[in-house]
């Protein structure tokens, strides 16, 4: 490879990095402008688009990282956090990292995420069914709700869905693609649909 080709590749590399930075900053500003939640406590480290909506409360304790530049979905998605009603809440503790294309919605008793939790890309967490399961009441009836609690040091793999009324114990690992419908104790690896304990952590 001659010297001209080397300089050309370096220029392209620098241009790519510059465009990535510009894109990131534009996404941060765009979704900050579009966000309508007025009860946000704390200031997370945002590495891409984060849309925060709702009439409830969203709390960030300490240093919380939202989005990962060197990860899939960075260029075509955003993180969505919604504390939908006045009584609902999302609490995200210090040291939490949330990857790209994650959706967290609280409509009822709240969602708590403990310290140093890692959440992989394309995950969803809900504390409500959002609609009544009775077909005759689906549009007008009250949905079933239940608090979601994820304790410290939990590792949630990519593509996991965590549903209402679930507690995940400290240090546990939830395998990629799992659907969590029931409580998971501390210090286990769990996975599947529905999510079940696979083995204890050593």
N, C-alpha and C. Protein backbone atom coordinates (compact mmCIF):
# COMPACT_ATOMS: atom_id res chain seq x y z
N UNK A 1 0.85 -1.20 0.00
CA UNK A 1 0.00 0.00 0.00
C UNK A 1 0.89 1.24 0.00
N UNK A 2 0.62 2.16 -0.97
CA UNK A 2 1.46 3.35 -1.04
C UNK A 2 1.00 4.41 -0.04
N UNK A 3 1.80 5.45 0.09
CA UNK A 3 1.56 6.49 1.09
C UNK A 3 0.26 7.24 0.84
N UNK A 4 -0.08 7.47 -0.41
CA UNK A 4 -1.33 8.18 -0.73
C UNK A 4 -2.56 7.40 -0.27
N UNK A 5 -2.52 6.08 -0.47
CA UNK A 5 -3.64 5.25 -0.03
C UNK A 5 -3.78 5.25 1.49
N UNK A 6 -2.64 5.27 2.18
CA UNK A 6 -2.67 5.33 3.65
C UNK A 6 -3.31 6.63 4.12
N UNK A 7 -2.90 7.76 3.53
CA UNK A 7 -3.49 9.05 3.91
C UNK A 7 -4.98 9.10 3.59
N UNK A 8 -5.38 8.51 2.45
CA UNK A 8 -6.79 8.49 2.07
C UNK A 8 -7.62 7.72 3.08
N UNK A 9 -7.09 6.56 3.52
CA UNK A 9 -7.82 5.76 4.50
C UNK A 9 -7.92 6.48 5.84
N UNK A 10 -6.86 7.18 6.23
CA UNK A 10 -6.90 7.94 7.47
C UNK A 10 -7.92 9.06 7.40
N UNK A 11 -8.00 9.73 6.27
CA UNK A 11 -8.97 10.81 6.11
C UNK A 11 -10.39 10.27 6.20
N UNK A 12 -10.62 9.11 5.56
CA UNK A 12 -11.95 8.50 5.63
C UNK A 12 -12.30 8.07 7.05
N UNK A 13 -11.32 7.52 7.75
CA UNK A 13 -11.53 7.10 9.13
C UNK A 13 -11.91 8.29 10.00
N UNK A 14 -11.18 9.38 9.87
CA UNK A 14 -11.48 10.58 10.66
C UNK A 14 -12.84 11.15 10.30
N UNK A 15 -13.18 11.12 9.01
CA UNK A 15 -14.48 11.61 8.59
C UNK A 15 -15.59 10.75 9.18
N UNK A 16 -15.39 9.43 9.22
CA UNK A 16 -16.38 8.54 9.81
C UNK A 16 -16.59 8.81 11.29
N UNK A 17 -15.49 9.03 12.01
CA UNK A 17 -15.61 9.33 13.43
C UNK A 17 -16.33 10.66 13.65
N UNK A 18 -16.00 11.65 12.82
CA UNK A 18 -16.63 12.96 12.94
C UNK A 18 -18.12 12.87 12.67
N UNK A 19 -18.50 12.15 11.63
CA UNK A 19 -19.92 11.99 11.30
C UNK A 19 -20.67 11.26 12.42
N UNK A 20 -20.02 10.26 13.02
CA UNK A 20 -20.64 9.54 14.13
C UNK A 20 -20.89 10.47 15.31
N UNK A 21 -19.92 11.29 15.64
CA UNK A 21 -20.08 12.25 16.74
C UNK A 21 -21.20 13.24 16.45
N UNK A 22 -21.21 13.76 15.23
CA UNK A 22 -22.26 14.72 14.84
C UNK A 22 -23.64 14.08 14.89
N UNK A 23 -23.73 12.83 14.43
CA UNK A 23 -25.00 12.12 14.47
C UNK A 23 -25.46 11.92 15.91
N UNK A 24 -24.54 11.50 16.76
CA UNK A 24 -24.88 11.28 18.17
C UNK A 24 -25.40 12.55 18.82
N UNK A 25 -24.69 13.65 18.63
CA UNK A 25 -25.11 14.91 19.24
C UNK A 25 -26.46 15.37 18.70
N UNK A 26 -26.69 15.18 17.40
CA UNK A 26 -27.98 15.58 16.82
C UNK A 26 -29.12 14.75 17.37
N UNK A 27 -28.88 13.43 17.58
CA UNK A 27 -29.90 12.56 18.16
C UNK A 27 -30.20 12.94 19.60
N UNK A 28 -29.16 13.24 20.36
CA UNK A 28 -29.35 13.65 21.75
C UNK A 28 -30.23 14.89 21.82
N UNK A 29 -29.92 15.88 20.99
CA UNK A 29 -30.69 17.13 21.00
C UNK A 29 -32.12 16.91 20.50
N UNK A 30 -32.29 16.11 19.44
CA UNK A 30 -33.62 15.89 18.88
C UNK A 30 -34.56 15.24 19.89
N UNK A 31 -34.10 14.17 20.53
CA UNK A 31 -34.98 13.47 21.45
C UNK A 31 -35.14 14.20 22.78
N UNK A 32 -34.18 15.00 23.15
CA UNK A 32 -34.36 15.86 24.33
C UNK A 32 -35.46 16.87 24.07
N UNK A 33 -35.49 17.40 22.84
CA UNK A 33 -36.53 18.36 22.46
C UNK A 33 -37.91 17.69 22.40
N UNK A 34 -37.96 16.45 21.93
CA UNK A 34 -39.22 15.74 21.77
C UNK A 34 -39.76 15.19 23.09
N UNK A 35 -38.90 15.02 24.10
CA UNK A 35 -39.33 14.46 25.38
C UNK A 35 -40.31 15.40 26.08
N UNK A 36 -41.35 14.81 26.71
CA UNK A 36 -42.35 15.66 27.37
C UNK A 36 -42.49 15.41 28.87
N UNK A 37 -41.66 14.53 29.44
CA UNK A 37 -41.71 14.30 30.89
C UNK A 37 -41.10 15.49 31.62
N UNK A 38 -41.85 16.06 32.55
CA UNK A 38 -41.38 17.24 33.28
C UNK A 38 -40.90 16.92 34.68
N UNK A 39 -40.87 15.64 35.03
CA UNK A 39 -40.47 15.25 36.38
C UNK A 39 -39.32 14.25 36.30
N UNK A 40 -38.19 14.75 35.78
CA UNK A 40 -36.98 13.94 35.64
C UNK A 40 -35.97 14.41 36.68
N UNK A 41 -35.48 13.48 37.49
CA UNK A 41 -34.50 13.78 38.53
C UNK A 41 -33.18 13.14 38.15
N UNK A 42 -32.10 13.91 38.21
CA UNK A 42 -30.79 13.39 37.84
C UNK A 42 -30.51 13.62 36.36
N UNK A 43 -29.26 13.42 36.00
CA UNK A 43 -28.84 13.66 34.62
C UNK A 43 -27.97 12.50 34.14
N UNK A 44 -28.54 11.62 33.32
CA UNK A 44 -27.77 10.46 32.84
C UNK A 44 -26.75 10.85 31.78
N UNK A 45 -25.79 9.95 31.56
CA UNK A 45 -24.85 10.11 30.45
C UNK A 45 -25.50 9.52 29.21
N UNK A 46 -25.87 10.36 28.27
CA UNK A 46 -26.56 9.89 27.08
C UNK A 46 -25.58 9.78 25.92
N UNK A 47 -25.57 8.61 25.29
CA UNK A 47 -24.68 8.36 24.17
C UNK A 47 -25.44 8.22 22.86
N UNK A 48 -26.67 8.69 22.84
CA UNK A 48 -27.51 8.62 21.65
C UNK A 48 -28.89 9.14 21.99
N UNK A 49 -29.87 8.84 21.13
CA UNK A 49 -31.22 9.33 21.34
C UNK A 49 -31.90 8.68 22.53
N UNK A 50 -32.47 9.50 23.42
CA UNK A 50 -33.24 9.02 24.58
C UNK A 50 -34.51 9.85 24.68
N UNK A 51 -35.65 9.19 24.52
CA UNK A 51 -36.94 9.87 24.61
C UNK A 51 -37.57 9.54 25.95
N UNK A 52 -37.87 10.58 26.76
CA UNK A 52 -38.44 10.39 28.10
C UNK A 52 -39.80 11.08 28.12
N UNK A 53 -40.86 10.29 28.26
CA UNK A 53 -42.22 10.81 28.20
C UNK A 53 -43.01 10.44 29.45
N UNK A 54 -44.19 11.06 29.60
CA UNK A 54 -45.14 10.70 30.64
C UNK A 54 -45.35 11.75 31.70
N UNK A 55 -46.38 11.52 32.49
CA UNK A 55 -46.76 12.44 33.57
C UNK A 55 -46.17 12.04 34.91
N UNK A 56 -45.53 10.88 34.99
CA UNK A 56 -44.96 10.41 36.25
C UNK A 56 -43.53 10.88 36.45
N UNK A 57 -42.78 10.12 37.25
CA UNK A 57 -41.44 10.52 37.64
C UNK A 57 -40.40 9.53 37.11
N UNK A 58 -39.31 10.08 36.59
CA UNK A 58 -38.17 9.28 36.15
C UNK A 58 -36.95 9.76 36.92
N UNK A 59 -36.31 8.86 37.66
CA UNK A 59 -35.18 9.23 38.51
C UNK A 59 -33.92 8.49 38.07
N UNK A 60 -32.83 9.25 37.93
CA UNK A 60 -31.52 8.69 37.65
C UNK A 60 -30.63 8.98 38.86
N UNK A 61 -30.15 7.92 39.52
CA UNK A 61 -29.29 8.09 40.69
C UNK A 61 -27.83 7.94 40.26
N UNK A 62 -27.02 8.92 40.58
CA UNK A 62 -25.58 8.81 40.30
C UNK A 62 -25.30 8.81 38.81
N UNK A 63 -24.37 7.94 38.39
CA UNK A 63 -23.96 7.88 36.99
C UNK A 63 -24.69 6.74 36.29
N UNK A 64 -25.56 7.10 35.37
CA UNK A 64 -26.32 6.13 34.57
C UNK A 64 -25.97 6.36 33.11
N UNK A 65 -25.60 5.31 32.38
CA UNK A 65 -25.24 5.42 30.97
C UNK A 65 -26.36 4.87 30.10
N UNK A 66 -26.81 5.69 29.15
CA UNK A 66 -27.88 5.33 28.24
C UNK A 66 -27.36 5.31 26.81
N UNK A 67 -27.37 4.14 26.20
CA UNK A 67 -26.91 4.00 24.83
C UNK A 67 -25.44 3.62 24.75
N UNK A 68 -25.11 2.86 23.69
CA UNK A 68 -23.74 2.42 23.46
C UNK A 68 -23.40 2.67 21.99
N UNK A 69 -22.39 3.47 21.78
CA UNK A 69 -22.02 3.84 20.41
C UNK A 69 -21.55 2.64 19.61
N UNK A 70 -20.75 1.77 20.19
CA UNK A 70 -20.18 0.62 19.47
C UNK A 70 -21.09 -0.60 19.61
N UNK A 71 -22.38 -0.45 19.31
CA UNK A 71 -23.32 -1.54 19.49
C UNK A 71 -24.42 -1.46 18.44
N UNK A 72 -25.05 -2.58 18.09
CA UNK A 72 -26.13 -2.54 17.10
C UNK A 72 -27.26 -1.60 17.49
N UNK A 73 -27.98 -1.13 16.51
CA UNK A 73 -29.14 -0.24 16.63
C UNK A 73 -28.78 1.20 16.97
N UNK A 74 -27.48 1.51 17.06
CA UNK A 74 -27.12 2.88 17.45
C UNK A 74 -27.61 3.89 16.43
N UNK A 75 -27.50 3.57 15.15
CA UNK A 75 -27.80 4.55 14.11
C UNK A 75 -29.27 4.59 13.69
N UNK A 76 -30.08 3.64 14.13
CA UNK A 76 -31.46 3.64 13.63
C UNK A 76 -32.53 3.50 14.71
N UNK A 77 -32.15 3.60 15.99
CA UNK A 77 -33.15 3.50 17.06
C UNK A 77 -32.83 4.49 18.17
N UNK A 78 -33.65 4.46 19.22
CA UNK A 78 -33.43 5.29 20.39
C UNK A 78 -33.93 4.53 21.62
N UNK A 79 -33.57 5.00 22.80
CA UNK A 79 -34.06 4.44 24.06
C UNK A 79 -35.35 5.17 24.43
N UNK A 80 -36.36 4.39 24.83
CA UNK A 80 -37.66 4.98 25.17
C UNK A 80 -37.99 4.69 26.63
N UNK A 81 -38.16 5.75 27.42
CA UNK A 81 -38.55 5.65 28.82
C UNK A 81 -39.85 6.41 29.00
N UNK A 82 -40.85 5.75 29.56
CA UNK A 82 -42.13 6.43 29.79
C UNK A 82 -42.70 6.08 31.16
N UNK A 83 -42.89 7.11 31.98
CA UNK A 83 -43.61 6.99 33.23
C UNK A 83 -45.00 7.58 32.98
N UNK A 84 -45.92 6.74 32.57
CA UNK A 84 -47.12 7.19 31.86
C UNK A 84 -48.09 8.02 32.67
N UNK A 85 -48.37 7.61 33.89
CA UNK A 85 -49.37 8.30 34.70
C UNK A 85 -48.71 9.05 35.86
N UNK A 86 -49.49 9.89 36.52
CA UNK A 86 -48.94 10.71 37.60
C UNK A 86 -48.43 9.84 38.76
N UNK A 87 -49.01 8.68 38.97
CA UNK A 87 -48.58 7.83 40.07
C UNK A 87 -47.49 6.84 39.71
N UNK A 88 -47.10 6.77 38.46
CA UNK A 88 -46.10 5.78 38.03
C UNK A 88 -44.68 6.34 38.16
N UNK A 89 -43.71 5.43 38.14
CA UNK A 89 -42.32 5.89 38.31
C UNK A 89 -41.34 4.90 37.72
N UNK A 90 -40.21 5.41 37.29
CA UNK A 90 -39.06 4.62 36.86
C UNK A 90 -37.87 5.11 37.66
N UNK A 91 -37.20 4.19 38.35
CA UNK A 91 -36.03 4.55 39.16
C UNK A 91 -34.84 3.73 38.67
N UNK A 92 -33.81 4.42 38.22
CA UNK A 92 -32.61 3.77 37.68
C UNK A 92 -31.42 4.17 38.54
N UNK A 93 -30.77 3.18 39.14
CA UNK A 93 -29.74 3.43 40.15
C UNK A 93 -28.36 3.65 39.54
N UNK A 94 -27.43 4.03 40.39
CA UNK A 94 -26.06 4.34 40.01
C UNK A 94 -25.37 3.14 39.36
N UNK A 95 -24.60 3.41 38.33
CA UNK A 95 -23.80 2.37 37.69
C UNK A 95 -24.54 1.55 36.65
N UNK A 96 -25.78 1.88 36.37
CA UNK A 96 -26.56 1.11 35.38
C UNK A 96 -26.12 1.50 33.97
N UNK A 97 -25.99 0.48 33.10
CA UNK A 97 -25.74 0.68 31.67
C UNK A 97 -26.92 0.10 30.89
N UNK A 98 -27.51 0.91 30.03
CA UNK A 98 -28.63 0.47 29.20
C UNK A 98 -28.22 0.60 27.74
N UNK A 99 -28.30 -0.50 27.01
CA UNK A 99 -27.89 -0.53 25.62
C UNK A 99 -28.97 0.07 24.72
N UNK A 100 -28.73 0.05 23.41
CA UNK A 100 -29.61 0.71 22.44
C UNK A 100 -30.93 -0.03 22.26
N UNK A 101 -31.94 0.74 21.84
CA UNK A 101 -33.27 0.20 21.48
C UNK A 101 -33.94 -0.50 22.66
N UNK A 102 -33.81 0.07 23.84
CA UNK A 102 -34.47 -0.45 25.05
C UNK A 102 -35.73 0.37 25.31
N UNK A 103 -36.80 -0.32 25.71
CA UNK A 103 -38.08 0.33 26.02
C UNK A 103 -38.49 -0.02 27.45
N UNK A 104 -38.68 1.01 28.29
CA UNK A 104 -39.12 0.82 29.68
C UNK A 104 -40.35 1.68 29.91
N UNK A 105 -41.48 1.05 30.22
CA UNK A 105 -42.74 1.80 30.40
C UNK A 105 -43.39 1.41 31.72
N UNK A 106 -43.65 2.42 32.56
CA UNK A 106 -44.38 2.23 33.80
C UNK A 106 -45.73 2.94 33.69
N UNK A 107 -46.79 2.17 33.93
CA UNK A 107 -48.13 2.75 33.96
C UNK A 107 -48.74 2.64 35.35
N UNK A 108 -48.13 1.81 36.19
CA UNK A 108 -48.72 1.55 37.50
C UNK A 108 -47.79 1.76 38.66
N UNK A 109 -47.48 0.69 39.41
CA UNK A 109 -46.75 0.84 40.67
C UNK A 109 -45.27 1.11 40.54
N UNK A 110 -44.71 1.03 39.35
CA UNK A 110 -43.33 1.46 39.18
C UNK A 110 -42.36 0.38 38.78
N UNK A 111 -41.21 0.84 38.27
CA UNK A 111 -40.11 -0.03 37.85
C UNK A 111 -38.85 0.44 38.54
N UNK A 112 -38.18 -0.47 39.26
CA UNK A 112 -36.95 -0.16 39.99
C UNK A 112 -35.81 -0.97 39.40
N UNK A 113 -34.71 -0.29 39.07
CA UNK A 113 -33.52 -0.95 38.55
C UNK A 113 -32.36 -0.63 39.48
N UNK A 114 -31.79 -1.66 40.09
CA UNK A 114 -30.76 -1.48 41.11
C UNK A 114 -29.39 -1.15 40.55
N UNK A 115 -28.44 -0.96 41.45
CA UNK A 115 -27.09 -0.53 41.09
C UNK A 115 -26.37 -1.55 40.20
N UNK A 116 -25.62 -1.00 39.24
CA UNK A 116 -24.72 -1.78 38.38
C UNK A 116 -25.41 -2.84 37.52
N UNK A 117 -26.69 -2.63 37.25
CA UNK A 117 -27.41 -3.53 36.35
C UNK A 117 -26.99 -3.24 34.91
N UNK A 118 -26.81 -4.31 34.12
CA UNK A 118 -26.51 -4.20 32.69
C UNK A 118 -27.72 -4.69 31.92
N UNK A 119 -28.20 -3.86 30.98
CA UNK A 119 -29.36 -4.22 30.17
C UNK A 119 -28.95 -4.22 28.71
N UNK A 120 -29.07 -5.36 28.06
CA UNK A 120 -28.66 -5.52 26.67
C UNK A 120 -29.59 -4.83 25.69
N UNK A 121 -29.17 -4.80 24.45
CA UNK A 121 -29.94 -4.13 23.41
C UNK A 121 -31.29 -4.80 23.19
N UNK A 122 -32.26 -3.99 22.75
CA UNK A 122 -33.55 -4.50 22.30
C UNK A 122 -34.37 -5.15 23.41
N UNK A 123 -34.21 -4.67 24.66
CA UNK A 123 -34.98 -5.20 25.79
C UNK A 123 -36.21 -4.34 26.06
N UNK A 124 -37.21 -4.94 26.73
CA UNK A 124 -38.43 -4.23 27.11
C UNK A 124 -38.79 -4.59 28.54
N UNK A 125 -39.23 -3.58 29.30
CA UNK A 125 -39.65 -3.79 30.70
C UNK A 125 -40.98 -3.04 30.90
N UNK A 126 -42.00 -3.76 31.41
CA UNK A 126 -43.33 -3.17 31.60
C UNK A 126 -43.88 -3.57 32.97
N UNK A 127 -44.60 -2.64 33.62
CA UNK A 127 -45.25 -2.97 34.89
C UNK A 127 -46.77 -3.07 34.75
N UNK A 128 -47.26 -3.19 33.53
CA UNK A 128 -48.70 -3.23 33.28
C UNK A 128 -49.00 -4.06 32.04
N UNK A 129 -50.23 -4.62 31.98
CA UNK A 129 -50.71 -5.25 30.76
C UNK A 129 -51.21 -4.21 29.76
N UNK A 130 -51.50 -3.00 30.26
CA UNK A 130 -51.96 -1.85 29.47
C UNK A 130 -53.40 -1.98 28.97
N UNK A 131 -53.90 -3.20 28.87
CA UNK A 131 -55.30 -3.43 28.49
C UNK A 131 -55.85 -4.57 29.35
N UNK A 132 -57.15 -4.50 29.62
CA UNK A 132 -57.81 -5.59 30.32
C UNK A 132 -57.80 -6.83 29.43
N UNK A 133 -57.57 -7.99 30.03
CA UNK A 133 -57.49 -9.21 29.24
C UNK A 133 -58.86 -9.74 28.83
N UNK A 134 -59.92 -9.29 29.51
CA UNK A 134 -61.29 -9.64 29.12
C UNK A 134 -61.64 -8.90 27.83
N UNK A 135 -62.01 -9.65 26.80
CA UNK A 135 -62.26 -9.04 25.49
C UNK A 135 -63.32 -7.95 25.54
N UNK A 136 -64.35 -8.14 26.37
CA UNK A 136 -65.43 -7.16 26.45
C UNK A 136 -64.98 -5.88 27.14
N UNK A 137 -63.90 -5.96 27.93
CA UNK A 137 -63.42 -4.79 28.68
C UNK A 137 -62.06 -4.29 28.19
N UNK A 138 -61.62 -4.81 27.06
CA UNK A 138 -60.24 -4.54 26.64
C UNK A 138 -59.95 -3.06 26.44
N UNK A 139 -60.94 -2.30 25.98
CA UNK A 139 -60.73 -0.87 25.73
C UNK A 139 -61.13 0.00 26.91
N UNK A 140 -61.98 -0.52 27.80
CA UNK A 140 -62.51 0.32 28.88
C UNK A 140 -62.14 -0.15 30.27
N UNK A 141 -61.78 -1.42 30.44
CA UNK A 141 -61.49 -1.96 31.77
C UNK A 141 -60.10 -1.61 32.26
N UNK A 142 -59.85 -1.91 33.52
CA UNK A 142 -58.55 -1.65 34.13
C UNK A 142 -57.58 -2.80 33.85
N UNK A 143 -56.37 -2.49 33.45
CA UNK A 143 -55.39 -3.56 33.22
C UNK A 143 -54.79 -4.07 34.52
N UNK A 144 -54.24 -5.26 34.46
CA UNK A 144 -53.51 -5.80 35.61
C UNK A 144 -52.13 -5.16 35.65
N UNK A 145 -51.68 -4.81 36.88
CA UNK A 145 -50.39 -4.14 37.06
C UNK A 145 -49.61 -4.78 38.19
N UNK A 146 -48.32 -4.56 38.23
CA UNK A 146 -47.49 -5.06 39.32
C UNK A 146 -46.08 -4.50 39.22
N UNK A 147 -45.51 -4.14 40.36
CA UNK A 147 -44.19 -3.51 40.38
C UNK A 147 -43.11 -4.44 39.84
N UNK A 148 -42.17 -3.87 39.13
CA UNK A 148 -41.00 -4.60 38.64
C UNK A 148 -39.79 -4.14 39.44
N UNK A 149 -39.04 -5.11 39.98
CA UNK A 149 -37.85 -4.79 40.76
C UNK A 149 -36.68 -5.63 40.27
N UNK A 150 -35.62 -4.96 39.82
CA UNK A 150 -34.42 -5.63 39.36
C UNK A 150 -33.29 -5.22 40.31
N UNK A 151 -32.78 -6.17 41.06
CA UNK A 151 -31.82 -5.86 42.11
C UNK A 151 -30.41 -5.67 41.54
N UNK A 152 -29.47 -5.31 42.38
CA UNK A 152 -28.13 -4.90 41.94
C UNK A 152 -27.36 -6.02 41.25
N UNK A 153 -26.52 -5.60 40.32
CA UNK A 153 -25.59 -6.49 39.60
C UNK A 153 -26.26 -7.52 38.70
N UNK A 154 -27.52 -7.31 38.35
CA UNK A 154 -28.19 -8.22 37.42
C UNK A 154 -27.71 -7.92 36.00
N UNK A 155 -27.53 -8.98 35.21
CA UNK A 155 -27.13 -8.87 33.81
C UNK A 155 -28.28 -9.39 32.96
N UNK A 156 -28.88 -8.49 32.18
CA UNK A 156 -30.02 -8.85 31.32
C UNK A 156 -29.53 -8.88 29.88
N UNK A 157 -29.59 -10.05 29.26
CA UNK A 157 -29.10 -10.21 27.90
C UNK A 157 -29.97 -9.52 26.86
N UNK A 158 -29.52 -9.54 25.62
CA UNK A 158 -30.22 -8.87 24.54
C UNK A 158 -31.59 -9.50 24.29
N UNK A 159 -32.55 -8.65 23.93
CA UNK A 159 -33.86 -9.14 23.52
C UNK A 159 -34.73 -9.70 24.61
N UNK A 160 -34.45 -9.38 25.86
CA UNK A 160 -35.25 -9.87 26.99
C UNK A 160 -36.48 -9.00 27.20
N UNK A 161 -37.60 -9.62 27.53
CA UNK A 161 -38.82 -8.89 27.92
C UNK A 161 -39.15 -9.25 29.37
N UNK A 162 -39.31 -8.22 30.21
CA UNK A 162 -39.66 -8.41 31.62
C UNK A 162 -41.05 -7.82 31.84
N UNK A 163 -41.98 -8.66 32.30
CA UNK A 163 -43.36 -8.23 32.44
C UNK A 163 -43.70 -7.88 33.89
N UNK A 164 -44.90 -7.44 34.09
CA UNK A 164 -45.38 -6.89 35.37
C UNK A 164 -45.19 -7.87 36.53
N UNK A 165 -45.10 -7.31 37.73
CA UNK A 165 -45.11 -8.08 38.98
C UNK A 165 -43.96 -9.08 39.06
N UNK A 166 -42.78 -8.65 38.61
CA UNK A 166 -41.61 -9.52 38.59
C UNK A 166 -40.50 -8.91 39.42
N UNK A 167 -39.82 -9.76 40.20
CA UNK A 167 -38.61 -9.37 40.92
C UNK A 167 -37.47 -10.27 40.48
N UNK A 168 -36.32 -9.66 40.17
CA UNK A 168 -35.12 -10.41 39.80
C UNK A 168 -34.06 -10.15 40.86
N UNK A 169 -33.58 -11.21 41.49
CA UNK A 169 -32.65 -11.09 42.60
C UNK A 169 -31.25 -10.67 42.19
N UNK A 170 -30.50 -10.21 43.15
CA UNK A 170 -29.16 -9.66 42.93
C UNK A 170 -28.24 -10.68 42.26
N UNK A 171 -27.40 -10.18 41.37
CA UNK A 171 -26.32 -10.92 40.71
C UNK A 171 -26.78 -11.90 39.64
N UNK A 172 -28.06 -12.06 39.44
CA UNK A 172 -28.55 -13.06 38.50
C UNK A 172 -28.35 -12.63 37.05
N UNK A 173 -28.37 -13.62 36.15
CA UNK A 173 -28.21 -13.41 34.72
C UNK A 173 -29.47 -13.91 34.01
N UNK A 174 -30.02 -13.07 33.14
CA UNK A 174 -31.18 -13.45 32.34
C UNK A 174 -30.71 -13.63 30.90
N UNK A 175 -30.85 -14.84 30.38
CA UNK A 175 -30.32 -15.18 29.07
C UNK A 175 -31.04 -14.41 27.97
N UNK A 176 -30.33 -14.16 26.88
CA UNK A 176 -30.86 -13.42 25.74
C UNK A 176 -32.15 -14.04 25.23
N UNK A 177 -33.11 -13.19 24.88
CA UNK A 177 -34.36 -13.63 24.30
C UNK A 177 -35.39 -14.15 25.27
N UNK A 178 -35.13 -14.08 26.56
CA UNK A 178 -36.05 -14.63 27.56
C UNK A 178 -37.28 -13.74 27.75
N UNK A 179 -38.37 -14.37 28.17
CA UNK A 179 -39.59 -13.66 28.57
C UNK A 179 -39.79 -13.94 30.06
N UNK A 180 -39.62 -12.91 30.89
CA UNK A 180 -39.66 -13.09 32.34
C UNK A 180 -41.05 -12.74 32.85
N UNK A 181 -41.77 -13.74 33.35
CA UNK A 181 -43.13 -13.56 33.83
C UNK A 181 -43.28 -13.83 35.32
N UNK A 182 -42.25 -14.44 35.94
CA UNK A 182 -42.29 -14.76 37.37
C UNK A 182 -40.97 -14.38 38.03
N UNK A 183 -40.98 -14.32 39.35
CA UNK A 183 -39.79 -13.91 40.10
C UNK A 183 -38.61 -14.86 39.84
N UNK A 184 -37.42 -14.26 39.79
CA UNK A 184 -36.18 -15.00 39.65
C UNK A 184 -35.33 -14.70 40.88
N UNK A 185 -34.83 -15.72 41.58
CA UNK A 185 -34.05 -15.46 42.80
C UNK A 185 -32.67 -14.92 42.50
N UNK A 186 -31.92 -14.61 43.53
CA UNK A 186 -30.55 -14.12 43.40
C UNK A 186 -29.61 -15.24 42.99
N UNK A 187 -28.52 -14.84 42.34
CA UNK A 187 -27.37 -15.74 42.08
C UNK A 187 -27.72 -16.96 41.24
N UNK A 188 -28.52 -16.74 40.18
CA UNK A 188 -28.83 -17.84 39.27
C UNK A 188 -28.70 -17.35 37.83
N UNK A 189 -28.58 -18.31 36.91
CA UNK A 189 -28.75 -18.04 35.49
C UNK A 189 -30.11 -18.56 35.09
N UNK A 190 -30.91 -17.71 34.45
CA UNK A 190 -32.27 -18.09 34.07
C UNK A 190 -32.49 -17.74 32.60
N UNK A 191 -33.37 -18.49 31.94
CA UNK A 191 -33.63 -18.21 30.55
C UNK A 191 -34.83 -18.96 30.03
N UNK A 192 -35.27 -18.60 28.83
CA UNK A 192 -36.36 -19.29 28.18
C UNK A 192 -37.64 -18.49 28.13
N UNK A 193 -38.66 -19.09 27.50
CA UNK A 193 -39.99 -18.49 27.39
C UNK A 193 -41.03 -19.55 27.77
N UNK A 194 -41.55 -19.48 29.01
CA UNK A 194 -41.25 -18.48 30.05
C UNK A 194 -39.89 -18.74 30.70
N UNK A 195 -39.35 -17.69 31.30
CA UNK A 195 -38.03 -17.75 31.89
C UNK A 195 -38.03 -18.63 33.14
N UNK A 196 -37.08 -19.57 33.20
CA UNK A 196 -36.95 -20.46 34.36
C UNK A 196 -35.49 -20.53 34.78
N UNK A 197 -35.24 -21.00 35.98
CA UNK A 197 -33.87 -21.14 36.47
C UNK A 197 -33.17 -22.26 35.71
N UNK A 198 -31.99 -21.96 35.19
CA UNK A 198 -31.18 -22.95 34.48
C UNK A 198 -30.14 -23.58 35.37
N UNK A 199 -29.48 -22.75 36.18
CA UNK A 199 -28.51 -23.26 37.13
C UNK A 199 -28.09 -22.15 38.09
N UNK A 200 -27.47 -22.53 39.18
CA UNK A 200 -26.96 -21.56 40.13
C UNK A 200 -25.63 -20.99 39.62
N UNK A 201 -25.36 -19.75 39.99
CA UNK A 201 -24.05 -19.17 39.70
C UNK A 201 -23.03 -19.69 40.70
N UNK A 202 -21.84 -19.98 40.23
CA UNK A 202 -20.80 -20.44 41.13
C UNK A 202 -20.28 -19.28 41.95
